[in-house]
Amino acid sequence: VIAYGTRGSCKRYVMRGGDPKVEESKGVVVRAIEQIYESLGDQVGAGVEVRANFLNVNRNRMNDLFGDDVKIRERRNLGVYVMDAIWKVCSSKEDMCAMWNEGSKRQLVRSTHMGTTSQWNDTIFRISIKYTSKDGANKVGMLTLVEMSGSDMQRSQFSSSTEGKLGLKSTLAVANVIYALSESKKHIPYRDHQLTRLLKNALANNSHTCWISCLNSCESVESLNTLKIGEMVGSLSNCPRKLEALPFEGVIKAKKDQGSTS
């Protein structure tokens, strides 16, 4: 789930909401957490492990809000992953909401002409659900919730600052990747930015992706650009693949079968 738009377009409210005790003002993150634990029920802790990780991208550097700087790596058998990321096991929705609230307090915000608490970095909250069957096989699902920094124009007060220019690079990098995918280009510039590298799985045909275009009526040009990017996202077609990890005995047997047929 990716929220994109200029500052002042209520991305923060869409993802984080207002008073969590009021149903109508709950954000996407809180609603997702509640739905996950309601769906799992008593399975949490009994064969199902739920973990969460909170990342922040600023100045094209990625750091864990509960740790230090982290690096993105990619392997053929693992895909894109974050090295040294801190995952916290959450046994209940209260535990995960507490982690979310604590991580949100550690984020970098600053006052701009678009708002008193305008976010000037990209935040990624990831929820991992691992199911272990009786024979030891694992199934893992991942939900990634992204709140992007604002796509302000260069003429704005914020965008003229060093932080603003670096923040704009992430939105530009995401836009370039989406354009390349929509035009079926041979080269997709995932490596242009840390955020696009991390979102490779979400944008590259192996996930269900929900793109939220947030608009600001006071910024007509930026709102139009946001709609254009949203239209390109709508033209993409993702086909998630089901990946299963075999237990150790199953891997050995598969290797032996492969050797006997070769």
C-alpha atoms as a PDB file:
ATOM      1  CA  VAL A   1       0.000   0.000   0.000  1.00  0.00           C
ATOM      2  CA  ILE A   2       1.652   3.228  -1.168  1.00  0.00           C
ATOM      3  CA  ALA A   3       0.402   6.748  -0.400  1.00  0.00           C
ATOM      4  CA  TYR A   4       1.701   9.349  -2.874  1.00  0.00           C
ATOM      5  CA  GLY A   5       1.037  13.067  -3.286  1.00  0.00           C
ATOM      6  CA  THR A   6       2.177  16.598  -2.536  1.00  0.00           C
ATOM      7  CA  ARG A   7       2.442  17.996   0.974  1.00  0.00           C
ATOM      8  CA  GLY A   8      -0.840  19.135   2.379  1.00  0.00           C
ATOM      9  CA  SER A   9      -2.689  16.325   0.587  1.00  0.00           C
ATOM     10  CA  CYS A  10      -3.388  14.422   3.843  1.00  0.00           C
ATOM     11  CA  LYS A  11      -1.105  11.443   3.146  1.00  0.00           C
ATOM     12  CA  ARG A  12      -0.238  11.423   6.815  1.00  0.00           C
ATOM     13  CA  TYR A  13      -3.886  11.367   7.842  1.00  0.00           C
ATOM     14  CA  VAL A  14      -4.742   8.659   5.286  1.00  0.00           C
ATOM     15  CA  MET A  15      -2.020   6.334   6.584  1.00  0.00           C
ATOM     16  CA  ARG A  16      -2.019   7.249  10.296  1.00  0.00           C
ATOM     17  CA  GLY A  17      -5.497   8.612  10.846  1.00  0.00           C
ATOM     18  CA  GLY A  18      -6.634  10.721  13.780  1.00  0.00           C
ATOM     19  CA  ASP A  19      -7.997   9.404  17.056  1.00  0.00           C
ATOM     20  CA  PRO A  20      -7.537   5.587  16.962  1.00  0.00           C
ATOM     21  CA  LYS A  21     -10.465   5.217  19.377  1.00  0.00           C
ATOM     22  CA  VAL A  22     -12.844   6.708  16.789  1.00  0.00           C
ATOM     23  CA  GLU A  23     -13.652   4.187  14.052  1.00  0.00           C
ATOM     24  CA  GLU A  24     -14.185   6.800  11.322  1.00  0.00           C
ATOM     25  CA  SER A  25     -10.796   8.459  11.914  1.00  0.00           C
ATOM     26  CA  LYS A  26      -8.608   5.326  11.894  1.00  0.00           C
ATOM     27  CA  GLY A  27      -5.859   5.307   9.281  1.00  0.00           C
ATOM     28  CA  VAL A  28      -4.859   2.570   6.847  1.00  0.00           C
ATOM     29  CA  VAL A  29      -2.116   1.255   9.146  1.00  0.00           C
ATOM     30  CA  VAL A  30      -4.318   0.775  12.209  1.00  0.00           C
ATOM     31  CA  ARG A  31      -7.115  -0.755  10.118  1.00  0.00           C
ATOM     32  CA  ALA A  32      -4.651  -3.182   8.513  1.00  0.00           C
ATOM     33  CA  ILE A  33      -3.248  -4.236  11.895  1.00  0.00           C
ATOM     34  CA  GLU A  34      -6.708  -4.825  13.341  1.00  0.00           C
ATOM     35  CA  GLN A  35      -7.833  -6.817  10.311  1.00  0.00           C
ATOM     36  CA  ILE A  36      -4.734  -9.031  10.400  1.00  0.00           C
ATOM     37  CA  TYR A  37      -5.175 -10.026  14.042  1.00  0.00           C
ATOM     38  CA  GLU A  38      -8.931 -10.457  13.686  1.00  0.00           C
ATOM     39  CA  SER A  39      -8.368 -12.789  10.725  1.00  0.00           C
ATOM     40  CA  LEU A  40      -5.671 -14.828  12.479  1.00  0.00           C
ATOM     41  CA  GLY A  41      -7.489 -15.107  15.798  1.00  0.00           C
ATOM     42  CA  ASP A  42      -6.018 -17.761  18.096  1.00  0.00           C
ATOM     43  CA  GLN A  43      -3.486 -18.857  15.476  1.00  0.00           C
ATOM     44  CA  VAL A  44      -1.039 -16.126  16.577  1.00  0.00           C
ATOM     45  CA  GLY A  45       1.669 -17.874  18.577  1.00  0.00           C
ATOM     46  CA  ALA A  46       0.305 -21.318  17.650  1.00  0.00           C
ATOM     47  CA  GLY A  47       2.008 -21.954  14.342  1.00  0.00           C
ATOM     48  CA  VAL A  48       1.727 -18.338  13.152  1.00  0.00           C
ATOM     49  CA  GLU A  49       4.340 -15.676  13.919  1.00  0.00           C
ATOM     50  CA  VAL A  50       3.625 -12.000  13.255  1.00  0.00           C
ATOM     51  CA  ARG A  51       6.547  -9.570  13.126  1.00  0.00           C
ATOM     52  CA  ALA A  52       6.952  -5.905  12.203  1.00  0.00           C
ATOM     53  CA  ASN A  53       9.759  -3.684  10.976  1.00  0.00           C
ATOM     54  CA  PHE A  54       9.820   0.128  10.679  1.00  0.00           C
ATOM     55  CA  LEU A  55      12.171   1.730   8.129  1.00  0.00           C
ATOM     56  CA  ASN A  56      12.910   5.330   7.221  1.00  0.00           C
ATOM     57  CA  VAL A  57      14.550   6.744   4.079  1.00  0.00           C
ATOM     58  CA  ASN A  58      16.162  10.165   4.344  1.00  0.00           C
ATOM     59  CA  ARG A  59      18.806  11.709   2.072  1.00  0.00           C
ATOM     60  CA  ASN A  60      18.753   8.425   0.130  1.00  0.00           C
ATOM     61  CA  ARG A  61      19.954   6.602   3.249  1.00  0.00           C
ATOM     62  CA  MET A  62      17.849   3.920   4.863  1.00  0.00           C
ATOM     63  CA  ASN A  63      17.748   3.395   8.586  1.00  0.00           C
ATOM     64  CA  ASP A  64      15.774   1.270  10.996  1.00  0.00           C
ATOM     65  CA  LEU A  65      13.774   3.419  13.414  1.00  0.00           C
ATOM     66  CA  PHE A  66      14.614   0.916  16.153  1.00  0.00           C
ATOM     67  CA  GLY A  67      18.246   0.469  15.137  1.00  0.00           C
ATOM     68  CA  ASP A  68      20.940   1.945  12.907  1.00  0.00           C
ATOM     69  CA  ASP A  69      21.517   2.436   9.196  1.00  0.00           C
ATOM     70  CA  VAL A  70      20.681  -0.625   7.117  1.00  0.00           C
ATOM     71  CA  LYS A  71      21.563  -1.698   3.594  1.00  0.00           C
ATOM     72  CA  ILE A  72      19.508  -3.272   0.842  1.00  0.00           C
ATOM     73  CA  ARG A  73      20.803  -6.458  -0.725  1.00  0.00           C
ATOM     74  CA  GLU A  74      19.486  -8.681  -3.475  1.00  0.00           C
ATOM     75  CA  ARG A  75      20.008 -12.371  -4.137  1.00  0.00           C
ATOM     76  CA  ARG A  76      18.547 -14.578  -6.792  1.00  0.00           C
ATOM     77  CA  ASN A  77      16.997 -17.012  -4.313  1.00  0.00           C
ATOM     78  CA  LEU A  78      15.912 -14.382  -1.762  1.00  0.00           C
ATOM     79  CA  GLY A  79      15.068 -11.396  -3.915  1.00  0.00           C
ATOM     80  CA  VAL A  80      15.370  -7.917  -2.393  1.00  0.00           C
ATOM     81  CA  TYR A  81      15.905  -7.830   1.372  1.00  0.00           C
ATOM     82  CA  VAL A  82      17.137  -5.418   4.051  1.00  0.00           C
ATOM     83  CA  MET A  83      20.270  -6.525   5.871  1.00  0.00           C
ATOM     84  CA  ASP A  84      20.436  -5.995   9.664  1.00  0.00           C
ATOM     85  CA  ALA A  85      16.797  -4.887   9.877  1.00  0.00           C
ATOM     86  CA  ILE A  86      15.234  -5.276  13.317  1.00  0.00           C
ATOM     87  CA  TRP A  87      12.049  -7.332  13.354  1.00  0.00           C
ATOM     88  CA  LYS A  88       9.905  -7.299  16.477  1.00  0.00           C
ATOM     89  CA  VAL A  89       7.541 -10.153  17.265  1.00  0.00           C
ATOM     90  CA  CYS A  90       4.068  -8.799  18.075  1.00  0.00           C
ATOM     91  CA  SER A  91       1.746 -11.224  19.827  1.00  0.00           C
ATOM     92  CA  SER A  92      -1.258  -8.888  19.711  1.00  0.00           C
ATOM     93  CA  LYS A  93      -2.577  -5.868  17.854  1.00  0.00           C
ATOM     94  CA  GLU A  94      -1.850  -3.773  20.947  1.00  0.00           C
ATOM     95  CA  ASP A  95       1.844  -4.741  20.732  1.00  0.00           C
ATOM     96  CA  MET A  96       2.044  -3.804  17.067  1.00  0.00           C
ATOM     97  CA  CYS A  97       0.163  -0.524  17.502  1.00  0.00           C
ATOM     98  CA  ALA A  98       2.519   0.372  20.361  1.00  0.00           C
ATOM     99  CA  MET A  99       5.501  -0.331  18.097  1.00  0.00           C
ATOM    100  CA  TRP A 100       3.944   1.764  15.329  1.00  0.00           C
ATOM    101  CA  ASN A 101       3.326   4.693  17.678  1.00  0.00           C
ATOM    102  CA  GLU A 102       6.849   4.531  19.127  1.00  0.00           C
ATOM    103  CA  GLY A 103       8.435   4.420  15.666  1.00  0.00           C
ATOM    104  CA  SER A 104       6.295   7.340  14.486  1.00  0.00           C
ATOM    105  CA  LYS A 105       7.643   9.468  17.354  1.00  0.00           C
ATOM    106  CA  ARG A 106      11.189   8.793  16.176  1.00  0.00           C
ATOM    107  CA  GLN A 107      10.565  10.032  12.645  1.00  0.00           C
ATOM    108  CA  LEU A 108      11.933  13.270  11.282  1.00  0.00           C
ATOM    109  CA  VAL A 109       9.334  15.980  10.733  1.00  0.00           C
ATOM    110  CA  ARG A 110       9.651  19.704  10.194  1.00  0.00           C
ATOM    111  CA  SER A 111       7.427  22.727   9.874  1.00  0.00           C
ATOM    112  CA  THR A 112       6.792  23.907   6.302  1.00  0.00           C
ATOM    113  CA  HIS A 113       4.407  26.317   4.623  1.00  0.00           C
ATOM    114  CA  MET A 114       2.225  23.287   3.814  1.00  0.00           C
ATOM    115  CA  GLY A 115       1.817  22.147   7.429  1.00  0.00           C
ATOM    116  CA  THR A 116       3.245  22.293  10.947  1.00  0.00           C
ATOM    117  CA  THR A 117       4.275  18.618  10.985  1.00  0.00           C
ATOM    118  CA  SER A 118       5.213  17.980   7.378  1.00  0.00           C
ATOM    119  CA  GLN A 119       7.072  14.741   6.812  1.00  0.00           C
ATOM    120  CA  TRP A 120      10.326  15.096   4.891  1.00  0.00           C
ATOM    121  CA  ASN A 121      11.277  11.465   4.497  1.00  0.00           C
ATOM    122  CA  ASP A 122       9.807   8.197   3.252  1.00  0.00           C
ATOM    123  CA  THR A 123       8.575   5.693   5.832  1.00  0.00           C
ATOM    124  CA  ILE A 124       8.041   1.978   5.305  1.00  0.00           C
ATOM    125  CA  PHE A 125       6.181  -0.164   7.844  1.00  0.00           C
ATOM    126  CA  ARG A 126       6.392  -3.872   7.048  1.00  0.00           C
ATOM    127  CA  ILE A 127       4.341  -6.676   8.583  1.00  0.00           C
ATOM    128  CA  SER A 128       5.518 -10.265   8.107  1.00  0.00           C
ATOM    129  CA  ILE A 129       3.266 -13.262   8.758  1.00  0.00           C
ATOM    130  CA  LYS A 130       4.927 -16.693   8.857  1.00  0.00           C
ATOM    131  CA  TYR A 131       2.934 -19.901   9.060  1.00  0.00           C
ATOM    132  CA  THR A 132       4.737 -23.099  10.015  1.00  0.00           C
ATOM    133  CA  SER A 133       2.929 -26.349   9.241  1.00  0.00           C
ATOM    134  CA  LYS A 134       3.248 -29.566  11.239  1.00  0.00           C
ATOM    135  CA  ASP A 135       5.784 -30.981   8.766  1.00  0.00           C
ATOM    136  CA  GLY A 136       8.015 -27.920   9.193  1.00  0.00           C
ATOM    137  CA  ALA A 137       7.231 -26.152   5.901  1.00  0.00           C
ATOM    138  CA  ASN A 138       6.994 -22.359   6.054  1.00  0.00           C
ATOM    139  CA  LYS A 139       4.710 -19.941   4.252  1.00  0.00           C
ATOM    140  CA  VAL A 140       5.492 -16.235   4.552  1.00  0.00           C
ATOM    141  CA  GLY A 141       3.390 -13.240   3.547  1.00  0.00           C
ATOM    142  CA  MET A 142       4.441  -9.599   3.658  1.00  0.00           C
ATOM    143  CA  LEU A 143       2.399  -6.401   3.879  1.00  0.00           C
ATOM    144  CA  THR A 144       4.322  -3.201   3.108  1.00  0.00           C
ATOM    145  CA  LEU A 145       2.796   0.156   4.033  1.00  0.00           C
ATOM    146  CA  VAL A 146       4.562   3.177   2.525  1.00  0.00           C
ATOM    147  CA  GLU A 147       4.061   6.856   3.237  1.00  0.00           C
ATOM    148  CA  MET A 148       6.108   8.801   0.701  1.00  0.00           C
ATOM    149  CA  SER A 149       7.521  12.267   1.185  1.00  0.00           C
ATOM    150  CA  GLY A 150       5.690  15.097  -0.572  1.00  0.00           C
ATOM    151  CA  SER A 151       6.134  15.664  -4.295  1.00  0.00           C
ATOM    152  CA  ASP A 152       6.456  19.459  -3.910  1.00  0.00           C
ATOM    153  CA  MET A 153       7.508  21.675  -6.764  1.00  0.00           C
ATOM    154  CA  GLN A 154      11.006  23.151  -6.726  1.00  0.00           C
ATOM    155  CA  ARG A 155       9.604  26.635  -6.235  1.00  0.00           C
ATOM    156  CA  SER A 156       8.266  25.829  -2.762  1.00  0.00           C
ATOM    157  CA  GLN A 157      10.153  26.956   0.341  1.00  0.00           C
ATOM    158  CA  PHE A 158      10.691  23.399   1.491  1.00  0.00           C
ATOM    159  CA  SER A 159      11.855  22.071  -1.876  1.00  0.00           C
ATOM    160  CA  SER A 160      14.530  24.752  -2.152  1.00  0.00           C
ATOM    161  CA  SER A 161      16.240  23.372   0.940  1.00  0.00           C
ATOM    162  CA  THR A 162      18.837  20.614   0.847  1.00  0.00           C
ATOM    163  CA  GLU A 163      16.488  18.167   2.584  1.00  0.00           C
ATOM    164  CA  GLY A 164      13.674  19.043   0.209  1.00  0.00           C
ATOM    165  CA  LYS A 165      15.747  18.431  -2.918  1.00  0.00           C
ATOM    166  CA  LEU A 166      16.922  15.081  -1.577  1.00  0.00           C
ATOM    167  CA  GLY A 167      13.351  14.187  -0.611  1.00  0.00           C
ATOM    168  CA  LEU A 168      12.152  14.980  -4.122  1.00  0.00           C
ATOM    169  CA  LYS A 169      14.609  12.448  -5.538  1.00  0.00           C
ATOM    170  CA  SER A 170      12.618   9.573  -4.086  1.00  0.00           C
ATOM    171  CA  THR A 171       9.342  10.721  -5.672  1.00  0.00           C
ATOM    172  CA  LEU A 172      11.121  11.309  -8.975  1.00  0.00           C
ATOM    173  CA  ALA A 173      12.760   7.872  -8.806  1.00  0.00           C
ATOM    174  CA  VAL A 174       9.410   6.176  -8.143  1.00  0.00           C
ATOM    175  CA  ALA A 175       7.803   8.109 -11.011  1.00  0.00           C
ATOM    176  CA  ASN A 176      10.629   7.070 -13.375  1.00  0.00           C
ATOM    177  CA  VAL A 177      10.248   3.395 -12.417  1.00  0.00           C
ATOM    178  CA  ILE A 178       6.485   3.494 -12.941  1.00  0.00           C
ATOM    179  CA  TYR A 179       6.906   5.207 -16.317  1.00  0.00           C
ATOM    180  CA  ALA A 180       9.482   2.627 -17.433  1.00  0.00           C
ATOM    181  CA  LEU A 181       7.194  -0.232 -16.367  1.00  0.00           C
ATOM    182  CA  SER A 182       4.142   1.274 -18.074  1.00  0.00           C
ATOM    183  CA  GLU A 183       6.130   1.703 -21.314  1.00  0.00           C
ATOM    184  CA  SER A 184       7.623  -1.825 -21.039  1.00  0.00           C
ATOM    185  CA  LYS A 185      11.166  -0.458 -21.136  1.00  0.00           C
ATOM    186  CA  LYS A 186      14.037  -2.943 -21.152  1.00  0.00           C
ATOM    187  CA  HIS A 187      15.830  -1.114 -18.326  1.00  0.00           C
ATOM    188  CA  ILE A 188      13.893  -0.350 -15.140  1.00  0.00           C
ATOM    189  CA  PRO A 189      15.847   2.108 -12.919  1.00  0.00           C
ATOM    190  CA  TYR A 190      15.215   0.440  -9.562  1.00  0.00           C
ATOM    191  CA  ARG A 191      18.746   1.179  -8.379  1.00  0.00           C
ATOM    192  CA  ASP A 192      18.373   4.950  -8.722  1.00  0.00           C
ATOM    193  CA  HIS A 193      17.095   5.213  -5.145  1.00  0.00           C
ATOM    194  CA  GLN A 194      16.894   3.140  -1.967  1.00  0.00           C
ATOM    195  CA  LEU A 195      13.092   3.355  -1.929  1.00  0.00           C
ATOM    196  CA  THR A 196      12.648   2.000  -5.451  1.00  0.00           C
ATOM    197  CA  ARG A 197      15.028  -0.853  -4.695  1.00  0.00           C
ATOM    198  CA  LEU A 198      12.958  -1.812  -1.681  1.00  0.00           C
ATOM    199  CA  LEU A 199       9.697  -1.502  -3.636  1.00  0.00           C
ATOM    200  CA  LYS A 200      10.950  -3.646  -6.509  1.00  0.00           C
ATOM    201  CA  ASN A 201       8.843  -6.621  -5.431  1.00  0.00           C
ATOM    202  CA  ALA A 202       5.771  -4.413  -4.985  1.00  0.00           C
ATOM    203  CA  LEU A 203       6.042  -2.844  -8.430  1.00  0.00           C
ATOM    204  CA  ALA A 204       7.643  -5.682 -10.383  1.00  0.00           C
ATOM    205  CA  ASN A 205       4.860  -8.166 -10.914  1.00  0.00           C
ATOM    206  CA  ASN A 206       5.056 -10.139  -7.658  1.00  0.00           C
ATOM    207  CA  SER A 207       2.601  -8.377  -5.347  1.00  0.00           C
ATOM    208  CA  HIS A 208      -0.899  -7.015  -5.076  1.00  0.00           C
ATOM    209  CA  THR A 209      -0.284  -3.249  -5.055  1.00  0.00           C
ATOM    210  CA  CYS A 210      -2.668  -0.566  -3.793  1.00  0.00           C
ATOM    211  CA  TRP A 211      -1.681   2.941  -4.888  1.00  0.00           C
ATOM    212  CA  ILE A 212      -3.349   5.868  -3.074  1.00  0.00           C
ATOM    213  CA  SER A 213      -3.189   9.191  -4.928  1.00  0.00           C
ATOM    214  CA  CYS A 214      -3.557  12.048  -2.433  1.00  0.00           C
ATOM    215  CA  LEU A 215      -4.543  15.438  -3.868  1.00  0.00           C
ATOM    216  CA  ASN A 216      -4.277  19.030  -2.629  1.00  0.00           C
ATOM    217  CA  SER A 217      -6.791  21.487  -4.068  1.00  0.00           C
ATOM    218  CA  CYS A 218      -4.315  24.344  -3.487  1.00  0.00           C
ATOM    219  CA  GLU A 219      -1.652  22.695  -5.673  1.00  0.00           C
ATOM    220  CA  SER A 220      -3.378  22.085  -9.001  1.00  0.00           C
ATOM    221  CA  VAL A 221      -0.209  21.354 -10.991  1.00  0.00           C
ATOM    222  CA  GLU A 222       1.136  18.841  -8.478  1.00  0.00           C
ATOM    223  CA  SER A 223      -2.289  17.238  -8.108  1.00  0.00           C
ATOM    224  CA  LEU A 224      -2.476  16.789 -11.881  1.00  0.00           C
ATOM    225  CA  ASN A 225       0.970  15.164 -11.886  1.00  0.00           C
ATOM    226  CA  THR A 226      -0.149  12.865  -9.059  1.00  0.00           C
ATOM    227  CA  LEU A 227      -3.170  11.793 -11.114  1.00  0.00           C
ATOM    228  CA  LYS A 228      -0.989  11.131 -14.165  1.00  0.00           C
ATOM    229  CA  ILE A 229       1.307   8.869 -12.142  1.00  0.00           C
ATOM    230  CA  GLY A 230      -1.719   7.129 -10.638  1.00  0.00           C
ATOM    231  CA  GLU A 231      -3.048   6.501 -14.138  1.00  0.00           C
ATOM    232  CA  MET A 232       0.254   4.891 -15.139  1.00  0.00           C
ATOM    233  CA  VAL A 233       0.144   2.696 -12.039  1.00  0.00           C
ATOM    234  CA  GLY A 234      -3.354   1.594 -13.041  1.00  0.00           C
ATOM    235  CA  SER A 235      -2.006   0.366 -16.372  1.00  0.00           C
ATOM    236  CA  LEU A 236       0.430  -2.035 -14.674  1.00  0.00           C
ATOM    237  CA  SER A 237      -0.569  -5.678 -14.347  1.00  0.00           C
ATOM    238  CA  ASN A 238       0.805  -7.630 -11.392  1.00  0.00           C
ATOM    239  CA  CYS A 239       0.645 -11.434 -11.160  1.00  0.00           C
ATOM    240  CA  PRO A 240       1.834 -12.519  -7.677  1.00  0.00           C
ATOM    241  CA  ARG A 241       3.558 -15.886  -7.499  1.00  0.00           C
ATOM    242  CA  LYS A 242       3.044 -18.339  -4.662  1.00  0.00           C
ATOM    243  CA  LEU A 243       6.356 -19.131  -3.003  1.00  0.00           C
ATOM    244  CA  GLU A 244       6.724 -21.906  -0.430  1.00  0.00           C
ATOM    245  CA  ALA A 245       9.752 -22.926   1.602  1.00  0.00           C
ATOM    246  CA  LEU A 246      10.163 -26.696   1.957  1.00  0.00           C
ATOM    247  CA  PRO A 247      11.315 -28.276   5.229  1.00  0.00           C
ATOM    248  CA  PHE A 248      14.942 -29.402   5.321  1.00  0.00           C
ATOM    249  CA  GLU A 249      14.035 -33.034   4.562  1.00  0.00           C
ATOM    250  CA  GLY A 250      12.002 -31.907   1.564  1.00  0.00           C
ATOM    251  CA  VAL A 251      14.919 -29.911   0.162  1.00  0.00           C
ATOM    252  CA  ILE A 252      17.230 -32.965   0.440  1.00  0.00           C
ATOM    253  CA  LYS A 253      14.664 -35.180  -1.271  1.00  0.00           C
ATOM    254  CA  ALA A 254      14.150 -32.652  -4.077  1.00  0.00           C
ATOM    255  CA  LYS A 255      17.906 -32.484  -4.651  1.00  0.00           C
ATOM    256  CA  LYS A 256      18.166 -36.296  -4.781  1.00  0.00           C
ATOM    257  CA  ASP A 257      15.243 -36.528  -7.215  1.00  0.00           C
ATOM    258  CA  GLN A 258      16.834 -33.879  -9.392  1.00  0.00           C
ATOM    259  CA  GLY A 259      20.149 -35.771  -9.381  1.00  0.00           C
ATOM    260  CA  SER A 260      18.527 -39.090 -10.292  1.00  0.00           C
ATOM    261  CA  THR A 261      16.737 -37.594 -13.311  1.00  0.00           C
ATOM    262  CA  SER A 262      19.787 -35.795 -14.691  1.00  0.00           C
END
